[in-house]
Amino acid sequence: MASNIGIALLLTTFAGLSTVIGSFLGILLPKPSGRFMSVTLGFSAGVMILVSFVELLQKGMESIGFAPAHVAFFAGMLAMFLVDALIPHEYMGEHAEGGGKERSLLKTGLFVALGVGIHNFPEGMATFAGTLQDIHLGTAIAVAIAIHNIPEGIAVSAPIYAATGERRRAFLWSFLSGVAEPLGAALAALVLFPFLSEAILGVMLSAVAGIMTFISLDELVPVSRSFGEEHASIVGVILGMAVMAGSLWLLRR
């Protein structure tokens, strides 16, 4: 378990800083198509939902039992609900077309950066906990998070660049929002590792399953559908689940 800590921190850094990819897209390329965004976000949701129920919650139940694992699962969902209620989190697809005044755009970009950063914090803990249990599981979680961090990077950089015309400033805010992910993992390592046991890890995995399920159902799927591309969202969800199921099957052979 201890030998996986370095890998866990590397994976969370990779997942968090994938916002940088979105940042470059937001300031260098035309706006991605609605169909691409819809399928991509749906795919990420499908991966996260399947891994939450098939792997994380299952391993939690094996470690601490059915009832405690589900208590931790719903506690994770409740925690994310409170974060979401206190710090609303908006994506590019949720804004009406046509833009607005520069000040409004700048405020939107900075607000999204704050929201993304706060939401990335527990995602870093999710990748950390998954990697401690199994490197392949942690890698799968990191890839799923990285996929949906790309449009988050776009959501941060595009309005700030549109408002200021400064690529460096837009990139910086996107980068800072992504850094929250490895910081969440580092905090988990510093605070939890001295007390880490199979039981605590079981609680963490179950809570992470709740967090990832909430993110998928409350954010990724609704935003995926908001692009107005009929059936593209559910196609992405199904593809994500299928790819995740196939990869888990190959790992267990």
C-alpha atoms as a PDB file:
ATOM      1  CA  MET A   1       0.000   0.000   0.000  1.00  0.00           C
ATOM      2  CA  ALA A   2       2.762   2.440   0.952  1.00  0.00           C
ATOM      3  CA  SER A   3       4.626   1.737  -2.291  1.00  0.00           C
ATOM      4  CA  ASN A   4       1.676   3.077  -4.282  1.00  0.00           C
ATOM      5  CA  ILE A   5       1.740   6.575  -2.741  1.00  0.00           C
ATOM      6  CA  GLY A   6       4.191   8.037  -5.268  1.00  0.00           C
ATOM      7  CA  ILE A   7       2.222   6.588  -8.176  1.00  0.00           C
ATOM      8  CA  ALA A   8      -1.021   7.889  -6.651  1.00  0.00           C
ATOM      9  CA  LEU A   9       0.381  11.419  -6.469  1.00  0.00           C
ATOM     10  CA  LEU A  10       1.629  11.212 -10.058  1.00  0.00           C
ATOM     11  CA  LEU A  11      -1.759  10.023 -11.304  1.00  0.00           C
ATOM     12  CA  THR A  12      -3.617  12.809  -9.515  1.00  0.00           C
ATOM     13  CA  THR A  13      -1.193  15.360 -10.952  1.00  0.00           C
ATOM     14  CA  PHE A  14      -1.856  13.971 -14.433  1.00  0.00           C
ATOM     15  CA  ALA A  15      -5.634  14.101 -13.891  1.00  0.00           C
ATOM     16  CA  GLY A  16      -5.629  17.588 -12.396  1.00  0.00           C
ATOM     17  CA  LEU A  17      -3.313  19.207 -14.910  1.00  0.00           C
ATOM     18  CA  SER A  18      -5.336  17.849 -17.836  1.00  0.00           C
ATOM     19  CA  THR A  19      -7.221  21.130 -17.348  1.00  0.00           C
ATOM     20  CA  VAL A  20      -4.186  22.632 -19.082  1.00  0.00           C
ATOM     21  CA  ILE A  21      -5.175  20.772 -22.268  1.00  0.00           C
ATOM     22  CA  GLY A  22      -8.601  22.369 -22.053  1.00  0.00           C
ATOM     23  CA  SER A  23      -6.960  25.717 -21.390  1.00  0.00           C
ATOM     24  CA  PHE A  24      -4.962  25.505 -24.621  1.00  0.00           C
ATOM     25  CA  LEU A  25      -8.098  24.498 -26.517  1.00  0.00           C
ATOM     26  CA  GLY A  26      -9.984  27.411 -25.000  1.00  0.00           C
ATOM     27  CA  ILE A  27      -7.439  30.022 -26.098  1.00  0.00           C
ATOM     28  CA  LEU A  28      -6.080  28.550 -29.346  1.00  0.00           C
ATOM     29  CA  LEU A  29      -8.853  26.595 -31.067  1.00  0.00           C
ATOM     30  CA  PRO A  30     -12.430  27.312 -32.109  1.00  0.00           C
ATOM     31  CA  LYS A  31     -15.136  26.244 -29.687  1.00  0.00           C
ATOM     32  CA  PRO A  32     -15.499  22.405 -29.663  1.00  0.00           C
ATOM     33  CA  SER A  33     -18.657  21.072 -31.262  1.00  0.00           C
ATOM     34  CA  GLY A  34     -21.658  20.315 -29.082  1.00  0.00           C
ATOM     35  CA  ARG A  35     -21.651  16.676 -30.178  1.00  0.00           C
ATOM     36  CA  PHE A  36     -18.008  16.236 -29.168  1.00  0.00           C
ATOM     37  CA  MET A  37     -18.589  17.812 -25.753  1.00  0.00           C
ATOM     38  CA  SER A  38     -21.763  15.805 -25.186  1.00  0.00           C
ATOM     39  CA  VAL A  39     -20.189  12.436 -26.014  1.00  0.00           C
ATOM     40  CA  THR A  40     -16.982  13.215 -24.091  1.00  0.00           C
ATOM     41  CA  LEU A  41     -18.748  14.252 -20.886  1.00  0.00           C
ATOM     42  CA  GLY A  42     -21.160  11.316 -21.173  1.00  0.00           C
ATOM     43  CA  PHE A  43     -18.229   8.941 -21.660  1.00  0.00           C
ATOM     44  CA  SER A  44     -16.546  10.240 -18.514  1.00  0.00           C
ATOM     45  CA  ALA A  45     -19.803   9.869 -16.558  1.00  0.00           C
ATOM     46  CA  GLY A  46     -20.213   6.283 -17.762  1.00  0.00           C
ATOM     47  CA  VAL A  47     -16.694   5.361 -16.679  1.00  0.00           C
ATOM     48  CA  MET A  48     -17.126   6.941 -13.252  1.00  0.00           C
ATOM     49  CA  ILE A  49     -20.567   5.433 -12.563  1.00  0.00           C
ATOM     50  CA  LEU A  50     -19.522   1.907 -13.497  1.00  0.00           C
ATOM     51  CA  VAL A  51     -16.256   1.998 -11.562  1.00  0.00           C
ATOM     52  CA  SER A  52     -18.083   3.421  -8.529  1.00  0.00           C
ATOM     53  CA  PHE A  53     -20.556   0.545  -8.266  1.00  0.00           C
ATOM     54  CA  VAL A  54     -18.532  -2.340  -9.709  1.00  0.00           C
ATOM     55  CA  GLU A  55     -15.197  -1.628  -8.028  1.00  0.00           C
ATOM     56  CA  LEU A  56     -15.139   1.070  -5.331  1.00  0.00           C
ATOM     57  CA  LEU A  57     -18.360   0.286  -3.452  1.00  0.00           C
ATOM     58  CA  GLN A  58     -17.798  -3.449  -3.843  1.00  0.00           C
ATOM     59  CA  LYS A  59     -14.321  -3.226  -2.328  1.00  0.00           C
ATOM     60  CA  GLY A  60     -15.695  -1.052   0.446  1.00  0.00           C
ATOM     61  CA  MET A  61     -18.318  -3.680   1.299  1.00  0.00           C
ATOM     62  CA  GLU A  62     -15.647  -6.381   1.316  1.00  0.00           C
ATOM     63  CA  SER A  63     -13.569  -4.363   3.787  1.00  0.00           C
ATOM     64  CA  ILE A  64     -16.151  -2.959   6.214  1.00  0.00           C
ATOM     65  CA  GLY A  65     -19.464  -4.667   5.429  1.00  0.00           C
ATOM     66  CA  PHE A  66     -22.642  -3.769   3.536  1.00  0.00           C
ATOM     67  CA  ALA A  67     -24.232  -1.237   5.912  1.00  0.00           C
ATOM     68  CA  PRO A  68     -21.076   0.768   6.846  1.00  0.00           C
ATOM     69  CA  ALA A  69     -20.019   0.918   3.196  1.00  0.00           C
ATOM     70  CA  HIS A  70     -23.378   2.337   2.150  1.00  0.00           C
ATOM     71  CA  VAL A  71     -23.347   4.838   5.008  1.00  0.00           C
ATOM     72  CA  ALA A  72     -19.960   6.049   3.731  1.00  0.00           C
ATOM     73  CA  PHE A  73     -21.283   6.040   0.152  1.00  0.00           C
ATOM     74  CA  PHE A  74     -24.207   8.341   0.981  1.00  0.00           C
ATOM     75  CA  ALA A  75     -21.954  10.461   3.209  1.00  0.00           C
ATOM     76  CA  GLY A  76     -19.760  11.045   0.156  1.00  0.00           C
ATOM     77  CA  MET A  77     -22.788  12.070  -1.887  1.00  0.00           C
ATOM     78  CA  LEU A  78     -23.962  14.396   0.881  1.00  0.00           C
ATOM     79  CA  ALA A  79     -20.527  15.995   1.155  1.00  0.00           C
ATOM     80  CA  MET A  80     -20.478  16.727  -2.575  1.00  0.00           C
ATOM     81  CA  PHE A  81     -24.043  18.062  -2.390  1.00  0.00           C
ATOM     82  CA  LEU A  82     -22.981  20.543   0.290  1.00  0.00           C
ATOM     83  CA  VAL A  83     -19.927  21.610  -1.712  1.00  0.00           C
ATOM     84  CA  ASP A  84     -22.082  22.029  -4.814  1.00  0.00           C
ATOM     85  CA  ALA A  85     -24.733  24.012  -2.949  1.00  0.00           C
ATOM     86  CA  LEU A  86     -22.205  26.349  -1.336  1.00  0.00           C
ATOM     87  CA  ILE A  87     -19.984  26.762  -4.414  1.00  0.00           C
ATOM     88  CA  PRO A  88     -22.085  26.439  -7.588  1.00  0.00           C
ATOM     89  CA  HIS A  89     -20.193  24.974 -10.501  1.00  0.00           C
ATOM     90  CA  GLU A  90     -20.916  26.016 -14.079  1.00  0.00           C
ATOM     91  CA  TYR A  91     -19.653  24.762 -17.416  1.00  0.00           C
ATOM     92  CA  MET A  92     -19.365  26.384 -20.799  1.00  0.00           C
ATOM     93  CA  GLY A  93     -22.405  24.516 -22.092  1.00  0.00           C
ATOM     94  CA  GLU A  94     -24.646  25.965 -19.407  1.00  0.00           C
ATOM     95  CA  HIS A  95     -24.272  29.547 -20.655  1.00  0.00           C
ATOM     96  CA  ALA A  96     -26.444  30.998 -23.349  1.00  0.00           C
ATOM     97  CA  GLU A  97     -24.810  31.681 -26.695  1.00  0.00           C
ATOM     98  CA  GLY A  98     -23.809  35.191 -27.641  1.00  0.00           C
ATOM     99  CA  GLY A  99     -21.646  36.171 -24.679  1.00  0.00           C
ATOM    100  CA  GLY A 100     -21.982  39.384 -22.700  1.00  0.00           C
ATOM    101  CA  LYS A 101     -19.917  42.281 -21.507  1.00  0.00           C
ATOM    102  CA  GLU A 102     -16.227  41.763 -20.772  1.00  0.00           C
ATOM    103  CA  ARG A 103     -16.638  42.244 -17.036  1.00  0.00           C
ATOM    104  CA  SER A 104     -19.341  39.587 -16.944  1.00  0.00           C
ATOM    105  CA  LEU A 105     -17.150  37.173 -18.909  1.00  0.00           C
ATOM    106  CA  LEU A 106     -14.189  37.744 -16.610  1.00  0.00           C
ATOM    107  CA  LYS A 107     -16.350  37.227 -13.512  1.00  0.00           C
ATOM    108  CA  THR A 108     -17.737  34.028 -15.027  1.00  0.00           C
ATOM    109  CA  GLY A 109     -14.275  32.667 -15.792  1.00  0.00           C
ATOM    110  CA  LEU A 110     -12.910  33.417 -12.322  1.00  0.00           C
ATOM    111  CA  PHE A 111     -15.997  31.970 -10.670  1.00  0.00           C
ATOM    112  CA  VAL A 112     -15.737  28.789 -12.726  1.00  0.00           C
ATOM    113  CA  ALA A 113     -12.032  28.556 -11.804  1.00  0.00           C
ATOM    114  CA  LEU A 114     -12.955  28.693  -8.112  1.00  0.00           C
ATOM    115  CA  GLY A 115     -15.689  26.106  -8.538  1.00  0.00           C
ATOM    116  CA  VAL A 116     -13.480  23.773 -10.573  1.00  0.00           C
ATOM    117  CA  GLY A 117     -10.694  24.034  -8.002  1.00  0.00           C
ATOM    118  CA  ILE A 118     -12.970  23.158  -5.093  1.00  0.00           C
ATOM    119  CA  HIS A 119     -14.553  20.272  -6.984  1.00  0.00           C
ATOM    120  CA  ASN A 120     -11.140  18.964  -8.064  1.00  0.00           C
ATOM    121  CA  PHE A 121     -10.033  18.661  -4.436  1.00  0.00           C
ATOM    122  CA  PRO A 122     -12.152  15.568  -3.552  1.00  0.00           C
ATOM    123  CA  GLU A 123     -11.451  14.140  -7.016  1.00  0.00           C
ATOM    124  CA  GLY A 124      -7.755  14.116  -6.088  1.00  0.00           C
ATOM    125  CA  MET A 125      -8.636  12.176  -2.942  1.00  0.00           C
ATOM    126  CA  ALA A 126     -10.648   9.757  -5.097  1.00  0.00           C
ATOM    127  CA  THR A 127      -7.705   8.971  -7.351  1.00  0.00           C
ATOM    128  CA  PHE A 128      -5.386   8.676  -4.354  1.00  0.00           C
ATOM    129  CA  ALA A 129      -7.653   6.214  -2.534  1.00  0.00           C
ATOM    130  CA  GLY A 130      -8.265   4.132  -5.657  1.00  0.00           C
ATOM    131  CA  THR A 131      -4.552   3.860  -6.428  1.00  0.00           C
ATOM    132  CA  LEU A 132      -3.716   2.742  -2.888  1.00  0.00           C
ATOM    133  CA  GLN A 133      -6.185  -0.106  -3.345  1.00  0.00           C
ATOM    134  CA  ASP A 134      -5.063  -1.043  -6.855  1.00  0.00           C
ATOM    135  CA  ILE A 135      -2.840   0.777  -9.362  1.00  0.00           C
ATOM    136  CA  HIS A 136      -5.010  -0.254 -12.315  1.00  0.00           C
ATOM    137  CA  LEU A 137      -8.120   1.021 -10.551  1.00  0.00           C
ATOM    138  CA  GLY A 138      -6.403   4.319  -9.733  1.00  0.00           C
ATOM    139  CA  THR A 139      -5.304   4.673 -13.359  1.00  0.00           C
ATOM    140  CA  ALA A 140      -8.872   4.135 -14.580  1.00  0.00           C
ATOM    141  CA  ILE A 141     -10.201   6.779 -12.180  1.00  0.00           C
ATOM    142  CA  ALA A 142      -7.448   9.222 -13.159  1.00  0.00           C
ATOM    143  CA  VAL A 143      -8.205   8.806 -16.876  1.00  0.00           C
ATOM    144  CA  ALA A 144     -11.937   9.325 -16.310  1.00  0.00           C
ATOM    145  CA  ILE A 145     -11.295  12.466 -14.270  1.00  0.00           C
ATOM    146  CA  ALA A 146      -8.753  13.733 -16.813  1.00  0.00           C
ATOM    147  CA  ILE A 147     -11.324  13.406 -19.609  1.00  0.00           C
ATOM    148  CA  HIS A 148     -13.852  15.624 -17.879  1.00  0.00           C
ATOM    149  CA  ASN A 149     -11.167  18.041 -16.652  1.00  0.00           C
ATOM    150  CA  ILE A 150     -10.441  19.003 -20.273  1.00  0.00           C
ATOM    151  CA  PRO A 151     -13.798  20.771 -20.807  1.00  0.00           C
ATOM    152  CA  GLU A 152     -13.383  22.287 -17.334  1.00  0.00           C
ATOM    153  CA  GLY A 153     -10.143  23.856 -18.568  1.00  0.00           C
ATOM    154  CA  ILE A 154     -12.029  25.236 -21.563  1.00  0.00           C
ATOM    155  CA  ALA A 155     -14.739  26.595 -19.266  1.00  0.00           C
ATOM    156  CA  VAL A 156     -12.137  28.494 -17.223  1.00  0.00           C
ATOM    157  CA  SER A 157      -9.856  29.818 -19.960  1.00  0.00           C
ATOM    158  CA  ALA A 158     -12.301  30.700 -22.745  1.00  0.00           C
ATOM    159  CA  PRO A 159     -14.297  33.425 -20.925  1.00  0.00           C
ATOM    160  CA  ILE A 160     -11.188  34.907 -19.262  1.00  0.00           C
ATOM    161  CA  TYR A 161      -9.366  35.092 -22.603  1.00  0.00           C
ATOM    162  CA  ALA A 162     -12.458  36.551 -24.292  1.00  0.00           C
ATOM    163  CA  ALA A 163     -12.720  39.189 -21.563  1.00  0.00           C
ATOM    164  CA  THR A 164      -9.059  40.195 -21.276  1.00  0.00           C
ATOM    165  CA  GLY A 165      -7.380  39.087 -24.496  1.00  0.00           C
ATOM    166  CA  GLU A 166      -4.540  37.748 -22.319  1.00  0.00           C
ATOM    167  CA  ARG A 167      -3.626  34.127 -23.051  1.00  0.00           C
ATOM    168  CA  ARG A 168      -1.168  34.000 -20.135  1.00  0.00           C
ATOM    169  CA  ARG A 169      -3.791  35.084 -17.615  1.00  0.00           C
ATOM    170  CA  ALA A 170      -6.386  32.628 -18.940  1.00  0.00           C
ATOM    171  CA  PHE A 171      -3.836  29.805 -18.843  1.00  0.00           C
ATOM    172  CA  LEU A 172      -2.732  30.673 -15.297  1.00  0.00           C
ATOM    173  CA  TRP A 173      -6.246  30.495 -13.828  1.00  0.00           C
ATOM    174  CA  SER A 174      -6.928  27.199 -15.580  1.00  0.00           C
ATOM    175  CA  PHE A 175      -3.634  25.800 -14.289  1.00  0.00           C
ATOM    176  CA  LEU A 176      -4.396  26.889 -10.706  1.00  0.00           C
ATOM    177  CA  SER A 177      -7.822  25.263 -10.789  1.00  0.00           C
ATOM    178  CA  GLY A 178      -6.243  21.960 -11.865  1.00  0.00           C
ATOM    179  CA  VAL A 179      -3.533  22.076  -9.165  1.00  0.00           C
ATOM    180  CA  ALA A 180      -6.283  21.530  -6.564  1.00  0.00           C
ATOM    181  CA  GLU A 181      -6.427  17.886  -7.647  1.00  0.00           C
ATOM    182  CA  PRO A 182      -2.887  16.835  -6.576  1.00  0.00           C
ATOM    183  CA  LEU A 183      -3.288  19.044  -3.499  1.00  0.00           C
ATOM    184  CA  GLY A 184      -6.298  16.960  -2.487  1.00  0.00           C
ATOM    185  CA  ALA A 185      -4.235  13.799  -2.896  1.00  0.00           C
ATOM    186  CA  ALA A 186      -1.323  15.273  -0.955  1.00  0.00           C
ATOM    187  CA  LEU A 187      -3.652  16.220   1.903  1.00  0.00           C
ATOM    188  CA  ALA A 188      -5.083  12.706   1.941  1.00  0.00           C
ATOM    189  CA  ALA A 189      -1.546  11.298   2.058  1.00  0.00           C
ATOM    190  CA  LEU A 190      -0.379  13.582   4.881  1.00  0.00           C
ATOM    191  CA  VAL A 191      -3.484  13.368   7.062  1.00  0.00           C
ATOM    192  CA  LEU A 192      -4.735   9.836   6.483  1.00  0.00           C
ATOM    193  CA  PHE A 193      -1.651   7.736   5.781  1.00  0.00           C
ATOM    194  CA  PRO A 194      -0.397   7.546   9.394  1.00  0.00           C
ATOM    195  CA  PHE A 195      -3.768   6.043  10.373  1.00  0.00           C
ATOM    196  CA  LEU A 196      -4.450   4.094   7.183  1.00  0.00           C
ATOM    197  CA  SER A 197      -5.843   0.590   7.572  1.00  0.00           C
ATOM    198  CA  GLU A 198      -8.017  -1.732   5.512  1.00  0.00           C
ATOM    199  CA  ALA A 199     -11.102  -0.444   7.351  1.00  0.00           C
ATOM    200  CA  ILE A 200     -10.259   3.244   6.762  1.00  0.00           C
ATOM    201  CA  LEU A 201      -9.444   2.523   3.139  1.00  0.00           C
ATOM    202  CA  GLY A 202     -12.797   0.745   2.809  1.00  0.00           C
ATOM    203  CA  VAL A 203     -14.579   3.832   4.138  1.00  0.00           C
ATOM    204  CA  MET A 204     -12.596   6.048   1.755  1.00  0.00           C
ATOM    205  CA  LEU A 205     -13.373   3.895  -1.284  1.00  0.00           C
ATOM    206  CA  SER A 206     -17.091   3.817  -0.449  1.00  0.00           C
ATOM    207  CA  ALA A 207     -17.211   7.579   0.108  1.00  0.00           C
ATOM    208  CA  VAL A 208     -15.309   8.141  -3.128  1.00  0.00           C
ATOM    209  CA  ALA A 209     -17.909   6.023  -4.941  1.00  0.00           C
ATOM    210  CA  GLY A 210     -20.575   8.370  -3.606  1.00  0.00           C
ATOM    211  CA  ILE A 211     -18.580  11.444  -4.634  1.00  0.00           C
ATOM    212  CA  MET A 212     -18.018  10.155  -8.171  1.00  0.00           C
ATOM    213  CA  THR A 213     -21.650   9.087  -8.553  1.00  0.00           C
ATOM    214  CA  PHE A 214     -22.821  12.542  -7.479  1.00  0.00           C
ATOM    215  CA  ILE A 215     -20.421  14.284  -9.870  1.00  0.00           C
ATOM    216  CA  SER A 216     -21.601  12.069 -12.728  1.00  0.00           C
ATOM    217  CA  LEU A 217     -25.340  12.403 -12.130  1.00  0.00           C
ATOM    218  CA  ASP A 218     -25.495  16.014 -10.943  1.00  0.00           C
ATOM    219  CA  GLU A 219     -22.893  17.571 -13.233  1.00  0.00           C
ATOM    220  CA  LEU A 220     -21.556  15.490 -16.102  1.00  0.00           C
ATOM    221  CA  VAL A 221     -24.790  13.967 -17.440  1.00  0.00           C
ATOM    222  CA  PRO A 222     -26.906  17.150 -17.187  1.00  0.00           C
ATOM    223  CA  VAL A 223     -24.168  19.267 -18.777  1.00  0.00           C
ATOM    224  CA  SER A 224     -23.639  16.632 -21.453  1.00  0.00           C
ATOM    225  CA  ARG A 225     -27.335  16.832 -22.327  1.00  0.00           C
ATOM    226  CA  SER A 226     -27.335  20.652 -22.257  1.00  0.00           C
ATOM    227  CA  PHE A 227     -25.547  20.808 -25.626  1.00  0.00           C
ATOM    228  CA  GLY A 228     -28.796  19.735 -27.303  1.00  0.00           C
ATOM    229  CA  GLU A 229     -27.329  16.802 -29.222  1.00  0.00           C
ATOM    230  CA  GLU A 230     -30.033  14.136 -29.225  1.00  0.00           C
ATOM    231  CA  HIS A 231     -28.839  10.769 -27.868  1.00  0.00           C
ATOM    232  CA  ALA A 232     -25.152  11.841 -27.918  1.00  0.00           C
ATOM    233  CA  SER A 233     -25.045  11.970 -24.116  1.00  0.00           C
ATOM    234  CA  ILE A 234     -26.398   8.463 -23.528  1.00  0.00           C
ATOM    235  CA  VAL A 235     -24.192   7.101 -26.314  1.00  0.00           C
ATOM    236  CA  GLY A 236     -21.207   8.534 -24.444  1.00  0.00           C
ATOM    237  CA  VAL A 237     -22.408   7.026 -21.148  1.00  0.00           C
ATOM    238  CA  ILE A 238     -22.850   3.575 -22.708  1.00  0.00           C
ATOM    239  CA  LEU A 239     -19.461   3.739 -24.424  1.00  0.00           C
ATOM    240  CA  GLY A 240     -17.789   4.806 -21.186  1.00  0.00           C
ATOM    241  CA  MET A 241     -19.376   1.968 -19.242  1.00  0.00           C
ATOM    242  CA  ALA A 242     -18.496  -0.554 -21.955  1.00  0.00           C
ATOM    243  CA  VAL A 243     -14.857   0.551 -22.143  1.00  0.00           C
ATOM    244  CA  MET A 244     -14.550   0.519 -18.346  1.00  0.00           C
ATOM    245  CA  ALA A 245     -16.184  -2.932 -18.089  1.00  0.00           C
ATOM    246  CA  GLY A 246     -13.899  -4.273 -20.802  1.00  0.00           C
ATOM    247  CA  SER A 247     -10.778  -2.918 -19.135  1.00  0.00           C
ATOM    248  CA  LEU A 248     -11.784  -4.359 -15.748  1.00  0.00           C
ATOM    249  CA  TRP A 249     -12.467  -7.728 -17.367  1.00  0.00           C
ATOM    250  CA  LEU A 250      -9.029  -7.730 -18.991  1.00  0.00           C
ATOM    251  CA  LEU A 251      -7.370  -6.823 -15.673  1.00  0.00           C
ATOM    252  CA  ARG A 252      -9.036  -9.770 -13.931  1.00  0.00           C
ATOM    253  CA  ARG A 253      -8.059 -12.404 -16.484  1.00  0.00           C
END
